[in-house]
Amino acid sequence: MTKHGDPRIWVKGLKAYAMPGNVLALVATGDGELLVINASLPGLV
């Protein structure tokens, strides 16, 4: 029995916004969008 679908997520253009080791927050909105936030950026909080 195999799994249905692909469990991986690929964020197009991520290299322009994040570096290896950064912490990313994935947030699902109510209208079906997925936001990717680089939580390692200074001044975020």
PDB file of N, CA and C in Angstrom:
ATOM      1  N   MET A   1       0.853  -1.178   0.000  1.00  0.00           N
ATOM      2  CA  MET A   1       0.000   0.000   0.000  1.00  0.00           C
ATOM      3  C   MET A   1       0.902   1.245   0.000  1.00  0.00           C
ATOM      4  N   THR A   2       0.600   2.182  -0.841  1.00  0.00           N
ATOM      5  CA  THR A   2       1.412   3.392  -0.944  1.00  0.00           C
ATOM      6  C   THR A   2       0.667   4.583  -0.366  1.00  0.00           C
ATOM      7  N   LYS A   3       1.429   5.622  -0.095  1.00  0.00           N
ATOM      8  CA  LYS A   3       0.835   6.871   0.382  1.00  0.00           C
ATOM      9  C   LYS A   3       0.195   7.602  -0.796  1.00  0.00           C
ATOM     10  N   HIS A   4      -0.794   8.405  -0.514  1.00  0.00           N
ATOM     11  CA  HIS A   4      -1.435   9.200  -1.549  1.00  0.00           C
ATOM     12  C   HIS A   4      -0.893  10.622  -1.476  1.00  0.00           C
ATOM     13  N   GLY A   5      -0.393  11.136  -2.588  1.00  0.00           N
ATOM     14  CA  GLY A   5       0.128  12.498  -2.618  1.00  0.00           C
ATOM     15  C   GLY A   5       1.586  12.570  -2.204  1.00  0.00           C
ATOM     16  N   ASP A   6       2.110  13.764  -2.262  1.00  0.00           N
ATOM     17  CA  ASP A   6       3.509  14.022  -1.939  1.00  0.00           C
ATOM     18  C   ASP A   6       3.559  14.862  -0.673  1.00  0.00           C
ATOM     19  N   PRO A   7       4.143  14.360   0.422  1.00  0.00           N
ATOM     20  CA  PRO A   7       4.126  15.085   1.691  1.00  0.00           C
ATOM     21  C   PRO A   7       5.117  16.245   1.765  1.00  0.00           C
ATOM     22  N   ARG A   8       5.968  16.402   0.743  1.00  0.00           N
ATOM     23  CA  ARG A   8       6.977  17.462   0.779  1.00  0.00           C
ATOM     24  C   ARG A   8       6.394  18.795   0.328  1.00  0.00           C
ATOM     25  N   ILE A   9       7.022  19.874   0.806  1.00  0.00           N
ATOM     26  CA  ILE A   9       6.646  21.227   0.401  1.00  0.00           C
ATOM     27  C   ILE A   9       7.876  21.876  -0.224  1.00  0.00           C
ATOM     28  N   TRP A  10       7.709  22.507  -1.370  1.00  0.00           N
ATOM     29  CA  TRP A  10       8.796  23.209  -2.020  1.00  0.00           C
ATOM     30  C   TRP A  10       8.400  24.672  -2.140  1.00  0.00           C
ATOM     31  N   VAL A  11       9.234  25.570  -1.599  1.00  0.00           N
ATOM     32  CA  VAL A  11       8.957  27.005  -1.656  1.00  0.00           C
ATOM     33  C   VAL A  11       9.804  27.600  -2.774  1.00  0.00           C
ATOM     34  N   LYS A  12       9.157  28.046  -3.828  1.00  0.00           N
ATOM     35  CA  LYS A  12       9.857  28.595  -4.992  1.00  0.00           C
ATOM     36  C   LYS A  12      10.544  29.903  -4.614  1.00  0.00           C
ATOM     37  N   GLY A  13      11.829  30.022  -4.960  1.00  0.00           N
ATOM     38  CA  GLY A  13      12.581  31.244  -4.706  1.00  0.00           C
ATOM     39  C   GLY A  13      13.025  31.428  -3.266  1.00  0.00           C
ATOM     40  N   LEU A  14      13.041  30.368  -2.484  1.00  0.00           N
ATOM     41  CA  LEU A  14      13.378  30.468  -1.060  1.00  0.00           C
ATOM     42  C   LEU A  14      14.801  30.973  -0.836  1.00  0.00           C
ATOM     43  N   LYS A  15      15.721  30.659  -1.734  1.00  0.00           N
ATOM     44  CA  LYS A  15      17.113  31.087  -1.573  1.00  0.00           C
ATOM     45  C   LYS A  15      17.254  32.603  -1.514  1.00  0.00           C
ATOM     46  N   ALA A  16      16.317  33.329  -2.082  1.00  0.00           N
ATOM     47  CA  ALA A  16      16.369  34.794  -2.077  1.00  0.00           C
ATOM     48  C   ALA A  16      15.956  35.377  -0.725  1.00  0.00           C
ATOM     49  N   TYR A  17      15.311  34.570   0.111  1.00  0.00           N
ATOM     50  CA  TYR A  17      14.755  35.069   1.370  1.00  0.00           C
ATOM     51  C   TYR A  17      15.313  34.407   2.619  1.00  0.00           C
ATOM     52  N   ALA A  18      15.981  33.270   2.467  1.00  0.00           N
ATOM     53  CA  ALA A  18      16.456  32.536   3.636  1.00  0.00           C
ATOM     54  C   ALA A  18      17.798  31.875   3.337  1.00  0.00           C
ATOM     55  N   MET A  19      18.538  31.620   4.418  1.00  0.00           N
ATOM     56  CA  MET A  19      19.826  30.942   4.329  1.00  0.00           C
ATOM     57  C   MET A  19      19.750  29.639   5.119  1.00  0.00           C
ATOM     58  N   PRO A  20      20.662  28.694   4.853  1.00  0.00           N
ATOM     59  CA  PRO A  20      20.677  27.470   5.658  1.00  0.00           C
ATOM     60  C   PRO A  20      20.805  27.814   7.141  1.00  0.00           C
ATOM     61  N   GLY A  21      20.016  27.159   7.960  1.00  0.00           N
ATOM     62  CA  GLY A  21      20.032  27.396   9.398  1.00  0.00           C
ATOM     63  C   GLY A  21      18.975  28.369   9.872  1.00  0.00           C
ATOM     64  N   ASN A  22      18.338  29.119   8.951  1.00  0.00           N
ATOM     65  CA  ASN A  22      17.256  30.015   9.355  1.00  0.00           C
ATOM     66  C   ASN A  22      16.058  29.211   9.825  1.00  0.00           C
ATOM     67  N   VAL A  23      15.303  29.808  10.738  1.00  0.00           N
ATOM     68  CA  VAL A  23      14.061  29.196  11.219  1.00  0.00           C
ATOM     69  C   VAL A  23      12.920  29.795  10.405  1.00  0.00           C
ATOM     70  N   LEU A  24      12.131  28.921   9.774  1.00  0.00           N
ATOM     71  CA  LEU A  24      11.002  29.372   8.973  1.00  0.00           C
ATOM     72  C   LEU A  24       9.700  28.982   9.658  1.00  0.00           C
ATOM     73  N   ALA A  25       8.739  29.893   9.624  1.00  0.00           N
ATOM     74  CA  ALA A  25       7.409  29.610  10.161  1.00  0.00           C
ATOM     75  C   ALA A  25       6.457  29.459   8.986  1.00  0.00           C
ATOM     76  N   LEU A  26       5.711  28.370   8.950  1.00  0.00           N
ATOM     77  CA  LEU A  26       4.710  28.135   7.918  1.00  0.00           C
ATOM     78  C   LEU A  26       3.341  28.380   8.534  1.00  0.00           C
ATOM     79  N   VAL A  27       2.584  29.285   7.926  1.00  0.00           N
ATOM     80  CA  VAL A  27       1.281  29.675   8.470  1.00  0.00           C
ATOM     81  C   VAL A  27       0.218  29.451   7.399  1.00  0.00           C
ATOM     82  N   ALA A  28      -0.793  28.662   7.719  1.00  0.00           N
ATOM     83  CA  ALA A  28      -1.909  28.432   6.803  1.00  0.00           C
ATOM     84  C   ALA A  28      -2.980  29.476   7.075  1.00  0.00           C
ATOM     85  N   THR A  29      -3.400  30.175   6.017  1.00  0.00           N
ATOM     86  CA  THR A  29      -4.444  31.182   6.159  1.00  0.00           C
ATOM     87  C   THR A  29      -5.809  30.536   5.969  1.00  0.00           C
ATOM     88  N   GLY A  30      -6.843  31.268   6.302  1.00  0.00           N
ATOM     89  CA  GLY A  30      -8.196  30.746   6.158  1.00  0.00           C
ATOM     90  C   GLY A  30      -8.641  30.594   4.714  1.00  0.00           C
ATOM     91  N   ASP A  31      -7.971  31.275   3.782  1.00  0.00           N
ATOM     92  CA  ASP A  31      -8.378  31.192   2.380  1.00  0.00           C
ATOM     93  C   ASP A  31      -7.489  30.256   1.555  1.00  0.00           C
ATOM     94  N   GLY A  32      -6.796  29.340   2.226  1.00  0.00           N
ATOM     95  CA  GLY A  32      -6.041  28.301   1.531  1.00  0.00           C
ATOM     96  C   GLY A  32      -4.618  28.661   1.139  1.00  0.00           C
ATOM     97  N   GLU A  33      -4.112  29.799   1.566  1.00  0.00           N
ATOM     98  CA  GLU A  33      -2.731  30.166   1.260  1.00  0.00           C
ATOM     99  C   GLU A  33      -1.800  29.657   2.347  1.00  0.00           C
ATOM    100  N   LEU A  34      -0.540  29.479   1.988  1.00  0.00           N
ATOM    101  CA  LEU A  34       0.490  29.097   2.938  1.00  0.00           C
ATOM    102  C   LEU A  34       1.537  30.195   2.944  1.00  0.00           C
ATOM    103  N   LEU A  35       1.706  30.858   4.080  1.00  0.00           N
ATOM    104  CA  LEU A  35       2.690  31.924   4.215  1.00  0.00           C
ATOM    105  C   LEU A  35       3.970  31.340   4.792  1.00  0.00           C
ATOM    106  N   VAL A  36       5.112  31.778   4.267  1.00  0.00           N
ATOM    107  CA  VAL A  36       6.406  31.355   4.781  1.00  0.00           C
ATOM    108  C   VAL A  36       7.085  32.600   5.347  1.00  0.00           C
ATOM    109  N   ILE A  37       7.367  32.562   6.649  1.00  0.00           N
ATOM    110  CA  ILE A  37       7.960  33.709   7.340  1.00  0.00           C
ATOM    111  C   ILE A  37       9.333  33.302   7.857  1.00  0.00           C
ATOM    112  N   ASN A  38      10.348  34.106   7.535  1.00  0.00           N
ATOM    113  CA  ASN A  38      11.692  33.852   8.030  1.00  0.00           C
ATOM    114  C   ASN A  38      11.759  34.402   9.445  1.00  0.00           C
ATOM    115  N   ALA A  39      11.637  33.539  10.434  1.00  0.00           N
ATOM    116  CA  ALA A  39      11.630  33.950  11.847  1.00  0.00           C
ATOM    117  C   ALA A  39      13.018  34.279  12.355  1.00  0.00           C
ATOM    118  N   SER A  40      14.051  34.120  11.555  1.00  0.00           N
ATOM    119  CA  SER A  40      15.395  34.441  11.972  1.00  0.00           C
ATOM    120  C   SER A  40      15.777  35.895  11.691  1.00  0.00           C
ATOM    121  N   LEU A  41      14.917  36.629  11.019  1.00  0.00           N
ATOM    122  CA  LEU A  41      15.242  38.023  10.697  1.00  0.00           C
ATOM    123  C   LEU A  41      15.193  38.892  11.939  1.00  0.00           C
ATOM    124  N   PRO A  42      16.204  39.740  12.137  1.00  0.00           N
ATOM    125  CA  PRO A  42      16.178  40.639  13.292  1.00  0.00           C
ATOM    126  C   PRO A  42      15.047  41.650  13.154  1.00  0.00           C
ATOM    127  N   GLY A  43      14.459  42.014  14.284  1.00  0.00           N
ATOM    128  CA  GLY A  43      13.372  42.988  14.274  1.00  0.00           C
ATOM    129  C   GLY A  43      12.024  42.415  13.916  1.00  0.00           C
ATOM    130  N   LEU A  44      11.939  41.104  13.768  1.00  0.00           N
ATOM    131  CA  LEU A  44      10.655  40.486  13.412  1.00  0.00           C
ATOM    132  C   LEU A  44       9.641  40.621  14.533  1.00  0.00           C
ATOM    133  N   VAL A  45      10.129  40.500  15.767  1.00  0.00           N
ATOM    134  CA  VAL A  45       9.216  40.564  16.921  1.00  0.00           C
ATOM    135  C   VAL A  45       9.261  41.955  17.519  1.00  0.00           C
TER     136      VAL A  45
END
